[in-house]
């Protein structure tokens, strides 16, 4: 087996391993995020039950007044609203994570509503963003859609964002990442059109020498910290297939990095 074939095989194995790790991380995040609305709902239900028992006692004892009844009915209305809002929130979170988990496990092409998908991605990366004290700003038209492989698409953006968190932070300076989209109309090179995604940060930046090798397999500037040198090379592999896109990187030391990714609309799987 040639060296190139071995490198490609190792890269594919790392992609599969990374997807499994992301699924496990997603499940842990889901548990944390769903716990909040469910906890609020349980508290509201417990409080309502307590008030209902007291009202029942007052009624049996002949102590119930019009004011206490009106107060209780107001509490019932408020509690019902809290229960409905938070159970709906928990259900929406479950649906969101379920959809992303299915996308991670498959390479089917489907139409993705980008603004919604970016928010789901941000939610799945929330623990890492919070730990790094990193702000992720998303600028995207609410109506913008892209026909792509959502699992590979998620992995692509996750790798780029995590690469910035791991390598771009400057001591004493909050890291800010911006994800911005722009529609690309159909032309001779991309008859189906597509989307240009710009991912930029205000971090440490890269020297010309590092930038030139950034997408090479096993190239890393953080080997002493356990860096594998596969994060950005996987991005390049995903863009070759199944995403069929391209990427360009501009970076200067001390001035951050700017990645421009073009993703074409792919033919949607009918089955």
C-alpha atoms as a PDB file:
ATOM      1  CA  UNK A   1       0.000   0.000   0.000  1.00  0.00           C
ATOM      2  CA  UNK A   2       1.372   3.410  -0.983  1.00  0.00           C
ATOM      3  CA  UNK A   3       2.000   6.160   1.548  1.00  0.00           C
ATOM      4  CA  UNK A   4      -0.834   8.245   0.068  1.00  0.00           C
ATOM      5  CA  UNK A   5      -3.238   5.294   0.370  1.00  0.00           C
ATOM      6  CA  UNK A   6      -2.220   4.727   3.988  1.00  0.00           C
ATOM      7  CA  UNK A   7      -2.695   8.401   4.805  1.00  0.00           C
ATOM      8  CA  UNK A   8      -6.139   8.394   3.149  1.00  0.00           C
ATOM      9  CA  UNK A   9      -7.161   5.243   5.051  1.00  0.00           C
ATOM     10  CA  UNK A  10      -6.001   6.704   8.368  1.00  0.00           C
ATOM     11  CA  UNK A  11      -7.877   9.909   7.581  1.00  0.00           C
ATOM     12  CA  UNK A  12     -11.086   7.971   6.828  1.00  0.00           C
ATOM     13  CA  UNK A  13     -10.710   5.975  10.056  1.00  0.00           C
ATOM     14  CA  UNK A  14     -10.224   9.193  12.001  1.00  0.00           C
ATOM     15  CA  UNK A  15     -13.363  10.646  10.389  1.00  0.00           C
ATOM     16  CA  UNK A  16     -15.365   7.593  11.515  1.00  0.00           C
ATOM     17  CA  UNK A  17     -13.868   7.766  15.038  1.00  0.00           C
ATOM     18  CA  UNK A  18     -14.596  11.460  15.243  1.00  0.00           C
ATOM     19  CA  UNK A  19     -18.222  10.935  14.207  1.00  0.00           C
ATOM     20  CA  UNK A  20     -18.660   8.346  16.971  1.00  0.00           C
ATOM     21  CA  UNK A  21     -17.143  10.758  19.508  1.00  0.00           C
ATOM     22  CA  UNK A  22     -19.408  13.573  18.308  1.00  0.00           C
ATOM     23  CA  UNK A  23     -22.478  11.359  18.719  1.00  0.00           C
ATOM     24  CA  UNK A  24     -21.434  10.550  22.298  1.00  0.00           C
ATOM     25  CA  UNK A  25     -20.790  14.233  23.000  1.00  0.00           C
ATOM     26  CA  UNK A  26     -24.163  15.127  21.465  1.00  0.00           C
ATOM     27  CA  UNK A  27     -25.958  12.694  23.779  1.00  0.00           C
ATOM     28  CA  UNK A  28     -24.237  14.198  26.823  1.00  0.00           C
ATOM     29  CA  UNK A  29     -25.147  17.723  25.682  1.00  0.00           C
ATOM     30  CA  UNK A  30     -28.734  16.657  25.019  1.00  0.00           C
ATOM     31  CA  UNK A  31     -29.067  15.335  28.561  1.00  0.00           C
ATOM     32  CA  UNK A  32     -27.761  18.602  29.986  1.00  0.00           C
ATOM     33  CA  UNK A  33     -29.925  20.852  27.801  1.00  0.00           C
ATOM     34  CA  UNK A  34     -33.164  18.869  28.228  1.00  0.00           C
ATOM     35  CA  UNK A  35     -32.699  18.777  32.017  1.00  0.00           C
ATOM     36  CA  UNK A  36     -33.405  22.522  32.357  1.00  0.00           C
ATOM     37  CA  UNK A  37     -36.922  22.727  30.826  1.00  0.00           C
ATOM     38  CA  UNK A  38     -37.925  19.413  32.401  1.00  0.00           C
ATOM     39  CA  UNK A  39     -36.723  20.640  35.809  1.00  0.00           C
ATOM     40  CA  UNK A  40     -38.810  23.817  35.458  1.00  0.00           C
ATOM     41  CA  UNK A  41     -41.851  21.765  34.438  1.00  0.00           C
ATOM     42  CA  UNK A  42     -41.454  19.414  37.418  1.00  0.00           C
ATOM     43  CA  UNK A  43     -41.159  22.377  39.811  1.00  0.00           C
ATOM     44  CA  UNK A  44     -44.307  24.002  38.367  1.00  0.00           C
ATOM     45  CA  UNK A  45     -46.245  20.729  38.582  1.00  0.00           C
ATOM     46  CA  UNK A  46     -45.130  20.124  42.185  1.00  0.00           C
ATOM     47  CA  UNK A  47     -46.120  23.629  43.229  1.00  0.00           C
ATOM     48  CA  UNK A  48     -49.504  23.268  41.539  1.00  0.00           C
ATOM     49  CA  UNK A  49     -50.132  19.945  43.295  1.00  0.00           C
ATOM     50  CA  UNK A  50     -49.280  21.494  46.673  1.00  0.00           C
ATOM     51  CA  UNK A  51     -51.649  24.446  46.109  1.00  0.00           C
ATOM     52  CA  UNK A  52     -54.417  22.110  44.901  1.00  0.00           C
ATOM     53  CA  UNK A  53     -54.200  20.034  48.105  1.00  0.00           C
ATOM     54  CA  UNK A  54     -54.417  23.172  50.229  1.00  0.00           C
ATOM     55  CA  UNK A  55     -57.425  24.369  48.260  1.00  0.00           C
ATOM     56  CA  UNK A  56     -59.071  20.985  48.721  1.00  0.00           C
ATOM     57  CA  UNK A  57     -58.474  21.184  52.491  1.00  0.00           C
ATOM     58  CA  UNK A  58     -59.893  24.720  52.646  1.00  0.00           C
ATOM     59  CA  UNK A  59     -62.934  23.641  50.622  1.00  0.00           C
ATOM     60  CA  UNK A  60     -63.672  20.688  52.922  1.00  0.00           C
ATOM     61  CA  UNK A  61     -63.195  22.911  55.979  1.00  0.00           C
ATOM     62  CA  UNK A  62     -65.450  25.610  54.534  1.00  0.00           C
ATOM     63  CA  UNK A  63     -62.606  28.129  54.509  1.00  0.00           C
ATOM     64  CA  UNK A  64     -62.375  28.721  50.739  1.00  0.00           C
ATOM     65  CA  UNK A  65     -63.021  32.351  49.751  1.00  0.00           C
ATOM     66  CA  UNK A  66     -63.600  33.968  46.395  1.00  0.00           C
ATOM     67  CA  UNK A  67     -60.192  35.609  46.590  1.00  0.00           C
ATOM     68  CA  UNK A  68     -58.401  32.316  47.324  1.00  0.00           C
ATOM     69  CA  UNK A  69     -60.287  30.648  44.450  1.00  0.00           C
ATOM     70  CA  UNK A  70     -59.345  33.423  42.039  1.00  0.00           C
ATOM     71  CA  UNK A  71     -55.719  33.240  43.194  1.00  0.00           C
ATOM     72  CA  UNK A  72     -55.688  29.475  42.692  1.00  0.00           C
ATOM     73  CA  UNK A  73     -57.224  29.715  39.208  1.00  0.00           C
ATOM     74  CA  UNK A  74     -54.603  32.288  38.240  1.00  0.00           C
ATOM     75  CA  UNK A  75     -51.910  29.879  39.467  1.00  0.00           C
ATOM     76  CA  UNK A  76     -53.470  27.049  37.431  1.00  0.00           C
ATOM     77  CA  UNK A  77     -53.378  29.207  34.288  1.00  0.00           C
ATOM     78  CA  UNK A  78     -49.771  30.292  34.931  1.00  0.00           C
ATOM     79  CA  UNK A  79     -48.630  26.746  35.725  1.00  0.00           C
ATOM     80  CA  UNK A  80     -50.312  25.363  32.604  1.00  0.00           C
ATOM     81  CA  UNK A  81     -48.422  27.903  30.508  1.00  0.00           C
ATOM     82  CA  UNK A  82     -45.111  27.018  32.166  1.00  0.00           C
ATOM     83  CA  UNK A  83     -45.733  23.287  31.698  1.00  0.00           C
ATOM     84  CA  UNK A  84     -46.691  23.689  28.057  1.00  0.00           C
ATOM     85  CA  UNK A  85     -43.786  25.983  27.170  1.00  0.00           C
ATOM     86  CA  UNK A  86     -41.134  23.842  28.843  1.00  0.00           C
ATOM     87  CA  UNK A  87     -42.393  20.453  27.670  1.00  0.00           C
ATOM     88  CA  UNK A  88     -42.564  21.862  24.136  1.00  0.00           C
ATOM     89  CA  UNK A  89     -39.007  23.159  24.568  1.00  0.00           C
ATOM     90  CA  UNK A  90     -37.811  19.733  25.753  1.00  0.00           C
ATOM     91  CA  UNK A  91     -39.586  18.058  22.835  1.00  0.00           C
ATOM     92  CA  UNK A  92     -38.036  20.493  20.344  1.00  0.00           C
ATOM     93  CA  UNK A  93     -34.580  19.826  21.802  1.00  0.00           C
ATOM     94  CA  UNK A  94     -35.100  16.070  21.522  1.00  0.00           C
ATOM     95  CA  UNK A  95     -36.231  16.413  17.888  1.00  0.00           C
ATOM     96  CA  UNK A  96     -33.264  18.653  17.100  1.00  0.00           C
ATOM     97  CA  UNK A  97     -30.682  16.288  18.584  1.00  0.00           C
ATOM     98  CA  UNK A  98     -32.382  13.255  17.041  1.00  0.00           C
ATOM     99  CA  UNK A  99     -32.192  14.852  13.593  1.00  0.00           C
ATOM    100  CA  UNK A 100     -28.520  15.735  14.023  1.00  0.00           C
ATOM    101  CA  UNK A 101     -27.700  12.240  15.324  1.00  0.00           C
ATOM    102  CA  UNK A 102     -29.374  10.642  12.288  1.00  0.00           C
ATOM    103  CA  UNK A 103     -27.519  13.031   9.984  1.00  0.00           C
ATOM    104  CA  UNK A 104     -24.205  12.116  11.614  1.00  0.00           C
ATOM    105  CA  UNK A 105     -24.849   8.410  11.046  1.00  0.00           C
ATOM    106  CA  UNK A 106     -25.822   8.771   7.376  1.00  0.00           C
ATOM    107  CA  UNK A 107     -24.504  10.492   4.271  1.00  0.00           C
ATOM    108  CA  UNK A 108     -27.869  11.114   2.648  1.00  0.00           C
ATOM    109  CA  UNK A 109     -28.335  14.408   0.833  1.00  0.00           C
ATOM    110  CA  UNK A 110     -31.256  16.519   1.996  1.00  0.00           C
ATOM    111  CA  UNK A 111     -32.310  20.143   1.961  1.00  0.00           C
ATOM    112  CA  UNK A 112     -31.129  21.940   5.101  1.00  0.00           C
ATOM    113  CA  UNK A 113     -32.492  25.178   6.541  1.00  0.00           C
ATOM    114  CA  UNK A 114     -29.133  26.717   7.398  1.00  0.00           C
ATOM    115  CA  UNK A 115     -30.084  29.206  10.130  1.00  0.00           C
ATOM    116  CA  UNK A 116     -31.858  26.478  12.110  1.00  0.00           C
ATOM    117  CA  UNK A 117     -29.034  23.998  11.547  1.00  0.00           C
ATOM    118  CA  UNK A 118     -26.377  26.487  12.642  1.00  0.00           C
ATOM    119  CA  UNK A 119     -28.276  27.060  15.913  1.00  0.00           C
ATOM    120  CA  UNK A 120     -28.417  23.292  16.488  1.00  0.00           C
ATOM    121  CA  UNK A 121     -24.675  23.088  15.840  1.00  0.00           C
ATOM    122  CA  UNK A 122     -24.032  25.966  18.251  1.00  0.00           C
ATOM    123  CA  UNK A 123     -26.079  24.183  20.901  1.00  0.00           C
ATOM    124  CA  UNK A 124     -24.116  20.948  20.445  1.00  0.00           C
ATOM    125  CA  UNK A 125     -20.824  22.886  20.822  1.00  0.00           C
ATOM    126  CA  UNK A 126     -22.057  24.960  23.762  1.00  0.00           C
ATOM    127  CA  UNK A 127     -19.986  23.173  26.460  1.00  0.00           C
ATOM    128  CA  UNK A 128     -16.739  23.707  24.494  1.00  0.00           C
ATOM    129  CA  UNK A 129     -17.633  27.325  23.691  1.00  0.00           C
ATOM    130  CA  UNK A 130     -18.496  28.042  27.324  1.00  0.00           C
ATOM    131  CA  UNK A 131     -15.307  26.451  28.653  1.00  0.00           C
ATOM    132  CA  UNK A 132     -13.216  28.472  26.190  1.00  0.00           C
ATOM    133  CA  UNK A 133     -15.240  31.631  26.917  1.00  0.00           C
ATOM    134  CA  UNK A 134     -15.709  31.919  23.185  1.00  0.00           C
ATOM    135  CA  UNK A 135     -18.486  33.861  21.471  1.00  0.00           C
ATOM    136  CA  UNK A 136     -19.897  32.307  18.294  1.00  0.00           C
ATOM    137  CA  UNK A 137     -21.902  34.787  16.240  1.00  0.00           C
ATOM    138  CA  UNK A 138     -24.089  33.489  13.409  1.00  0.00           C
ATOM    139  CA  UNK A 139     -25.167  35.735  10.525  1.00  0.00           C
ATOM    140  CA  UNK A 140     -27.532  33.864   8.216  1.00  0.00           C
ATOM    141  CA  UNK A 141     -30.708  34.593   6.260  1.00  0.00           C
ATOM    142  CA  UNK A 142     -33.578  32.701   7.893  1.00  0.00           C
ATOM    143  CA  UNK A 143     -34.818  31.511   4.485  1.00  0.00           C
ATOM    144  CA  UNK A 144     -31.480  30.232   3.171  1.00  0.00           C
ATOM    145  CA  UNK A 145     -31.395  26.519   2.329  1.00  0.00           C
ATOM    146  CA  UNK A 146     -28.735  24.152   0.990  1.00  0.00           C
ATOM    147  CA  UNK A 147     -28.988  20.638  -0.422  1.00  0.00           C
ATOM    148  CA  UNK A 148     -26.052  18.813   1.139  1.00  0.00           C
ATOM    149  CA  UNK A 149     -24.954  15.908   3.375  1.00  0.00           C
ATOM    150  CA  UNK A 150     -25.852  17.279   6.820  1.00  0.00           C
ATOM    151  CA  UNK A 151     -23.642  14.859   8.777  1.00  0.00           C
ATOM    152  CA  UNK A 152     -20.495  15.740   6.827  1.00  0.00           C
ATOM    153  CA  UNK A 153     -21.550  19.403   6.835  1.00  0.00           C
ATOM    154  CA  UNK A 154     -21.810  19.381  10.648  1.00  0.00           C
ATOM    155  CA  UNK A 155     -18.455  17.634  10.986  1.00  0.00           C
ATOM    156  CA  UNK A 156     -16.820  20.168   8.661  1.00  0.00           C
ATOM    157  CA  UNK A 157     -18.008  23.182  10.662  1.00  0.00           C
ATOM    158  CA  UNK A 158     -17.377  21.477  14.021  1.00  0.00           C
ATOM    159  CA  UNK A 159     -13.765  20.805  13.034  1.00  0.00           C
ATOM    160  CA  UNK A 160     -13.187  24.392  11.937  1.00  0.00           C
ATOM    161  CA  UNK A 161     -14.740  25.854  15.097  1.00  0.00           C
ATOM    162  CA  UNK A 162     -12.926  23.424  17.411  1.00  0.00           C
ATOM    163  CA  UNK A 163      -9.674  24.138  15.539  1.00  0.00           C
ATOM    164  CA  UNK A 164     -10.109  27.830  16.376  1.00  0.00           C
ATOM    165  CA  UNK A 165     -10.920  27.057  20.026  1.00  0.00           C
ATOM    166  CA  UNK A 166      -7.863  24.811  20.358  1.00  0.00           C
ATOM    167  CA  UNK A 167      -5.304  26.842  18.412  1.00  0.00           C
ATOM    168  CA  UNK A 168      -6.449  30.456  17.974  1.00  0.00           C
ATOM    169  CA  UNK A 169      -6.934  31.612  21.562  1.00  0.00           C
ATOM    170  CA  UNK A 170      -4.670  34.388  22.797  1.00  0.00           C
ATOM    171  CA  UNK A 171      -4.071  34.689  26.588  1.00  0.00           C
ATOM    172  CA  UNK A 172      -6.070  37.580  28.043  1.00  0.00           C
ATOM    173  CA  UNK A 173      -8.116  38.138  24.867  1.00  0.00           C
ATOM    174  CA  UNK A 174     -11.666  36.785  24.476  1.00  0.00           C
ATOM    175  CA  UNK A 175     -11.988  34.627  21.356  1.00  0.00           C
ATOM    176  CA  UNK A 176     -14.762  35.646  18.965  1.00  0.00           C
ATOM    177  CA  UNK A 177     -15.814  33.511  15.992  1.00  0.00           C
ATOM    178  CA  UNK A 178     -18.242  34.653  13.318  1.00  0.00           C
ATOM    179  CA  UNK A 179     -20.071  32.386  10.873  1.00  0.00           C
ATOM    180  CA  UNK A 180     -21.570  34.278   7.945  1.00  0.00           C
ATOM    181  CA  UNK A 181     -23.345  32.962   4.853  1.00  0.00           C
ATOM    182  CA  UNK A 182     -23.953  34.284   1.363  1.00  0.00           C
ATOM    183  CA  UNK A 183     -25.922  32.695  -1.449  1.00  0.00           C
ATOM    184  CA  UNK A 184     -23.982  31.880  -4.632  1.00  0.00           C
ATOM    185  CA  UNK A 185     -26.023  31.885  -7.810  1.00  0.00           C
ATOM    186  CA  UNK A 186     -25.659  29.194 -10.453  1.00  0.00           C
ATOM    187  CA  UNK A 187     -22.835  29.625 -12.974  1.00  0.00           C
ATOM    188  CA  UNK A 188     -20.771  27.520 -15.374  1.00  0.00           C
ATOM    189  CA  UNK A 189     -18.660  26.006 -12.575  1.00  0.00           C
ATOM    190  CA  UNK A 190     -21.616  25.306 -10.273  1.00  0.00           C
ATOM    191  CA  UNK A 191     -24.813  24.948 -12.331  1.00  0.00           C
ATOM    192  CA  UNK A 192     -26.865  24.172  -9.198  1.00  0.00           C
ATOM    193  CA  UNK A 193     -25.598  27.200  -7.277  1.00  0.00           C
ATOM    194  CA  UNK A 194     -24.713  26.951  -3.603  1.00  0.00           C
ATOM    195  CA  UNK A 195     -23.658  28.835  -0.492  1.00  0.00           C
ATOM    196  CA  UNK A 196     -20.473  30.643   0.529  1.00  0.00           C
ATOM    197  CA  UNK A 197     -19.757  30.281   4.250  1.00  0.00           C
ATOM    198  CA  UNK A 198     -17.205  32.561   5.871  1.00  0.00           C
ATOM    199  CA  UNK A 199     -15.840  31.481   9.242  1.00  0.00           C
ATOM    200  CA  UNK A 200     -13.550  34.061  10.807  1.00  0.00           C
ATOM    201  CA  UNK A 201     -11.927  34.587  14.205  1.00  0.00           C
ATOM    202  CA  UNK A 202      -9.961  37.284  16.005  1.00  0.00           C
ATOM    203  CA  UNK A 203      -7.381  34.847  17.327  1.00  0.00           C
ATOM    204  CA  UNK A 204      -3.664  34.238  17.030  1.00  0.00           C
ATOM    205  CA  UNK A 205      -3.600  33.741  13.264  1.00  0.00           C
ATOM    206  CA  UNK A 206      -1.055  31.701  11.294  1.00  0.00           C
ATOM    207  CA  UNK A 207       2.278  32.426   9.688  1.00  0.00           C
ATOM    208  CA  UNK A 208       2.513  31.911   5.891  1.00  0.00           C
ATOM    209  CA  UNK A 209       4.490  28.703   6.511  1.00  0.00           C
ATOM    210  CA  UNK A 210       1.849  27.234   8.841  1.00  0.00           C
ATOM    211  CA  UNK A 211      -1.042  28.331   6.620  1.00  0.00           C
ATOM    212  CA  UNK A 212       0.562  26.630   3.604  1.00  0.00           C
ATOM    213  CA  UNK A 213       0.597  23.282   5.463  1.00  0.00           C
ATOM    214  CA  UNK A 214      -2.602  23.699   7.494  1.00  0.00           C
ATOM    215  CA  UNK A 215      -4.616  21.155   5.480  1.00  0.00           C
ATOM    216  CA  UNK A 216      -1.828  18.558   5.244  1.00  0.00           C
ATOM    217  CA  UNK A 217      -2.451  15.256   7.019  1.00  0.00           C
ATOM    218  CA  UNK A 218      -0.673  14.915  10.396  1.00  0.00           C
ATOM    219  CA  UNK A 219       0.718  18.449  10.307  1.00  0.00           C
ATOM    220  CA  UNK A 220       0.262  20.074  13.716  1.00  0.00           C
ATOM    221  CA  UNK A 221       1.757  22.902  15.741  1.00  0.00           C
ATOM    222  CA  UNK A 222       0.433  21.386  18.984  1.00  0.00           C
ATOM    223  CA  UNK A 223       1.933  17.899  19.092  1.00  0.00           C
ATOM    224  CA  UNK A 224       3.070  18.476  22.686  1.00  0.00           C
ATOM    225  CA  UNK A 225      -0.593  19.014  23.634  1.00  0.00           C
ATOM    226  CA  UNK A 226      -1.857  15.889  21.881  1.00  0.00           C
ATOM    227  CA  UNK A 227      -2.704  17.452  18.515  1.00  0.00           C
ATOM    228  CA  UNK A 228      -3.205  14.834  15.798  1.00  0.00           C
ATOM    229  CA  UNK A 229      -2.741  17.086  12.770  1.00  0.00           C
ATOM    230  CA  UNK A 230      -5.941  15.688  11.249  1.00  0.00           C
ATOM    231  CA  UNK A 231      -8.535  18.354  12.120  1.00  0.00           C
ATOM    232  CA  UNK A 232      -8.147  20.511   9.013  1.00  0.00           C
ATOM    233  CA  UNK A 233      -7.059  17.629   6.770  1.00  0.00           C
ATOM    234  CA  UNK A 234     -10.432  16.011   7.546  1.00  0.00           C
ATOM    235  CA  UNK A 235     -12.084  19.274   6.490  1.00  0.00           C
ATOM    236  CA  UNK A 236     -10.274  18.983   3.151  1.00  0.00           C
ATOM    237  CA  UNK A 237     -11.325  15.317   2.785  1.00  0.00           C
ATOM    238  CA  UNK A 238     -14.975  16.099   3.537  1.00  0.00           C
ATOM    239  CA  UNK A 239     -14.948  18.858   0.938  1.00  0.00           C
ATOM    240  CA  UNK A 240     -13.610  16.459  -1.702  1.00  0.00           C
ATOM    241  CA  UNK A 241     -16.396  14.007  -0.926  1.00  0.00           C
ATOM    242  CA  UNK A 242     -19.190  13.906  -0.063  1.00  0.00           C
ATOM    243  CA  UNK A 243     -19.622  17.713   0.070  1.00  0.00           C
ATOM    244  CA  UNK A 244     -17.941  18.430  -3.296  1.00  0.00           C
ATOM    245  CA  UNK A 245     -16.937  21.904  -2.161  1.00  0.00           C
ATOM    246  CA  UNK A 246     -13.835  24.047  -1.768  1.00  0.00           C
ATOM    247  CA  UNK A 247     -12.086  26.096   0.906  1.00  0.00           C
ATOM    248  CA  UNK A 248      -9.715  29.039   1.005  1.00  0.00           C
ATOM    249  CA  UNK A 249      -7.872  30.349   4.036  1.00  0.00           C
ATOM    250  CA  UNK A 250      -6.442  33.794   4.732  1.00  0.00           C
ATOM    251  CA  UNK A 251      -4.534  34.370   7.949  1.00  0.00           C
ATOM    252  CA  UNK A 252      -2.005  36.689   9.529  1.00  0.00           C
ATOM    253  CA  UNK A 253      -0.171  36.334  12.811  1.00  0.00           C
ATOM    254  CA  UNK A 254      -1.942  38.367  15.455  1.00  0.00           C
ATOM    255  CA  UNK A 255      -4.883  39.160  13.170  1.00  0.00           C
ATOM    256  CA  UNK A 256      -6.893  35.956  13.173  1.00  0.00           C
ATOM    257  CA  UNK A 257      -7.962  33.613  10.393  1.00  0.00           C
ATOM    258  CA  UNK A 258     -10.654  33.722   7.737  1.00  0.00           C
ATOM    259  CA  UNK A 259     -11.934  30.535   6.075  1.00  0.00           C
ATOM    260  CA  UNK A 260     -14.153  30.815   3.006  1.00  0.00           C
ATOM    261  CA  UNK A 261     -16.001  27.591   2.172  1.00  0.00           C
ATOM    262  CA  UNK A 262     -18.071  27.086  -0.960  1.00  0.00           C
ATOM    263  CA  UNK A 263     -20.666  24.313  -0.824  1.00  0.00           C
ATOM    264  CA  UNK A 264     -22.705  23.512  -3.947  1.00  0.00           C
ATOM    265  CA  UNK A 265     -26.280  22.294  -3.948  1.00  0.00           C
ATOM    266  CA  UNK A 266     -26.180  18.517  -4.371  1.00  0.00           C
ATOM    267  CA  UNK A 267     -28.840  16.300  -5.899  1.00  0.00           C
ATOM    268  CA  UNK A 268     -31.274  15.297  -3.125  1.00  0.00           C
ATOM    269  CA  UNK A 269     -31.630  11.557  -2.451  1.00  0.00           C
ATOM    270  CA  UNK A 270     -35.119  10.469  -3.411  1.00  0.00           C
ATOM    271  CA  UNK A 271     -35.084   7.220  -1.384  1.00  0.00           C
END
